[in-house]
Amino acid sequence: MGIPLYFLPFFVAAGRGVNTGSVFVINLFLGWTFIGWVVALAMAMGARRTP
């Protein structure tokens, strides 16, 4: 249960179609801190980019 919760921001970003690369990198390297996890989640919940 811990790993899916840890990568929740990445899954949210992938589902919303936002920049998954940057969210994944921040989540991978800084997600172990609460602040890094919240930043990744905020990026994942940000505005969608229109093509």
Protein backbone atom coordinates (compact mmCIF):
# COMPACT_ATOMS: atom_id res chain seq x y z
CA MET A 1 0.00 0.00 0.00
CA GLY A 2 2.91 2.36 0.59
CA ILE A 3 4.29 2.51 -2.95
CA PRO A 4 1.01 3.43 -4.68
CA LEU A 5 0.44 6.14 -2.09
CA TYR A 6 4.00 7.40 -2.54
CA PHE A 7 3.49 7.71 -6.31
CA LEU A 8 -0.05 9.09 -6.07
CA PRO A 9 0.99 12.47 -7.56
CA PHE A 10 2.41 10.70 -10.61
CA PHE A 11 -0.77 8.67 -11.09
CA VAL A 12 -2.89 11.81 -10.78
CA ALA A 13 -0.70 13.61 -13.33
CA ALA A 14 -0.93 10.69 -15.75
CA GLY A 15 -4.69 10.57 -15.41
CA ARG A 16 -5.08 14.30 -15.95
CA GLY A 17 -2.65 14.47 -18.86
CA VAL A 18 -0.27 17.02 -17.36
CA ASN A 19 3.54 16.96 -17.57
CA THR A 20 4.19 13.54 -16.06
CA GLY A 21 7.97 13.69 -16.50
CA SER A 22 8.60 16.54 -14.11
CA VAL A 23 6.06 15.26 -11.61
CA PHE A 24 7.69 11.83 -11.65
CA VAL A 25 11.20 13.21 -11.12
CA ILE A 26 10.16 15.45 -8.23
CA ASN A 27 8.12 12.66 -6.71
CA LEU A 28 10.95 10.15 -7.07
CA PHE A 29 13.71 12.30 -5.58
CA LEU A 30 11.84 14.58 -3.17
CA GLY A 31 8.68 12.61 -2.45
CA TRP A 32 10.18 11.07 0.67
CA THR A 33 9.85 14.50 2.30
CA PHE A 34 6.33 15.67 2.94
CA ILE A 35 7.03 19.01 1.26
CA GLY A 36 8.33 17.33 -1.91
CA TRP A 37 5.29 15.06 -2.03
CA VAL A 38 2.92 18.02 -1.67
CA VAL A 39 4.76 19.96 -4.38
CA ALA A 40 4.50 17.01 -6.76
CA LEU A 41 0.79 16.66 -5.98
CA ALA A 42 0.24 20.39 -6.55
CA MET A 43 2.00 20.14 -9.91
CA ALA A 44 -0.17 17.16 -10.81
CA MET A 45 -3.33 19.07 -9.92
CA GLY A 46 -2.26 22.14 -11.90
CA ALA A 47 -3.87 23.42 -15.05
CA ARG A 48 -3.95 21.12 -18.04
CA ARG A 49 -2.02 22.12 -21.10
CA THR A 50 -4.02 22.47 -24.28
CA PRO A 51 -2.39 21.18 -27.47
